[in-house]
Each structure stands twice: as structure tokens, then as C-alpha cells.
């Protein structure tokens, strides 16, 4: 697994600031919330993962380059 560079992490932090609402499109993890679950970005960590507060109570991170979410209003 390769980690994103600083510029990529900065771009993801700018695109998904704390409080951004997202909807889960795809996550290949047995502990994943159901597709379509909505949540709020808490922060972006140093490897560009979105640290989440999912509406169903989960806090599983969205892994950069692996999982897919879309921003919602």
C-alpha cells in the first residue's frame, strides 16, 4: 500500500473539511455501514482517510483510494 503525498492530503482536507456531509457509495469491509448510509466528516487524517461519524453510529474511516463517498447537501 502506498500512502498519498502531502499535496494530496492537503487537497482532500480542502475538499472534505470537518462538517462535510457524505453518503457511502462503496466500501469493501465486512464492518462497513450499509451502502447509502450518510455521515459527517470529523477530520482528515495524515493518510487522507476521512474520519467519520456515520448516522448509524459507526465511526469506520473512509480509506483514501479504496472507499467511495459522495458529498451531499
Protein backbone atom coordinates (compact mmCIF):
# COMPACT_ATOMS: atom_id res chain seq x y z
CA UNK A 1 0.00 0.00 0.00
CA UNK A 2 1.35 3.39 -0.93
CA UNK A 3 0.46 6.50 1.03
CA UNK A 4 -0.66 9.77 -0.55
CA UNK A 5 1.78 12.67 -0.69
CA UNK A 6 1.34 15.88 1.30
CA UNK A 7 -0.25 17.72 -1.61
CA UNK A 8 -2.91 15.02 -1.96
CA UNK A 9 -3.65 15.07 1.77
CA UNK A 10 -3.98 18.88 1.63
CA UNK A 11 -6.34 18.61 -1.36
CA UNK A 12 -8.55 16.05 0.40
CA UNK A 13 -8.61 18.20 3.56
CA UNK A 14 -9.72 21.19 1.49
CA UNK A 15 -12.38 19.13 -0.31
CA UNK A 16 -13.74 17.48 2.86
CA UNK A 17 -13.45 19.92 5.79
CA UNK A 18 -14.96 18.93 9.15
CA UNK A 19 -18.72 19.01 8.99
CA UNK A 20 -18.97 17.91 5.35
CA UNK A 21 -21.91 15.56 4.82
CA UNK A 22 -21.32 12.48 2.66
CA UNK A 23 -23.16 9.36 1.53
CA UNK A 24 -21.43 5.98 1.29
CA UNK A 25 -21.23 4.67 -2.28
CA UNK A 26 -18.79 1.76 -1.82
CA UNK A 27 -16.74 0.24 0.98
CA UNK A 28 -15.19 -3.23 0.81
CA UNK A 29 -15.13 -4.02 4.52
CA UNK A 30 -17.20 -6.52 6.50
CA UNK A 31 -17.80 -3.85 9.16
CA UNK A 32 -18.89 -1.22 6.61
CA UNK A 33 -22.10 0.70 7.11
CA UNK A 34 -24.74 -0.16 4.51
CA UNK A 35 -24.38 1.48 1.10
CA UNK A 36 -26.33 4.75 1.18
CA UNK A 37 -25.54 5.47 4.83
CA UNK A 38 -24.98 9.17 5.42
CA UNK A 39 -22.40 10.66 7.75
CA UNK A 40 -20.36 13.67 8.77
CA UNK A 41 -16.62 14.12 8.26
CA UNK A 42 -14.90 14.74 11.61
CA UNK A 43 -11.42 15.28 10.16
CA UNK A 44 -8.99 14.02 7.52
CA UNK A 45 -6.00 12.11 8.91
CA UNK A 46 -2.39 12.13 7.69
CA UNK A 47 -3.03 9.36 5.12
CA UNK A 48 -6.08 11.16 3.68
CA UNK A 49 -8.66 8.88 5.30
CA UNK A 50 -11.92 10.57 6.21
CA UNK A 51 -12.56 10.12 9.92
CA UNK A 52 -16.32 9.76 10.13
CA UNK A 53 -19.35 9.99 12.35
CA UNK A 54 -21.87 7.86 10.45
CA UNK A 55 -25.56 8.47 11.16
CA UNK A 56 -25.96 4.80 12.18
CA UNK A 57 -23.39 5.22 14.99
CA UNK A 58 -20.38 3.74 13.16
CA UNK A 59 -17.07 5.59 13.10
CA UNK A 60 -15.31 3.48 10.44
CA UNK A 61 -12.96 5.63 8.37
CA UNK A 62 -13.24 6.11 4.62
CA UNK A 63 -9.93 4.87 3.20
CA UNK A 64 -8.38 7.10 0.53
CA UNK A 65 -8.17 5.34 -2.83
CA UNK A 66 -10.27 2.37 -1.67
CA UNK A 67 -13.67 3.52 -0.44
CA UNK A 68 -16.08 5.81 -2.27
CA UNK A 69 -18.34 8.52 -0.86
CA UNK A 70 -20.16 11.43 -2.44
CA UNK A 71 -20.79 14.84 -0.93
CA UNK A 72 -24.38 15.71 -0.11
CA UNK A 73 -26.11 18.94 0.86
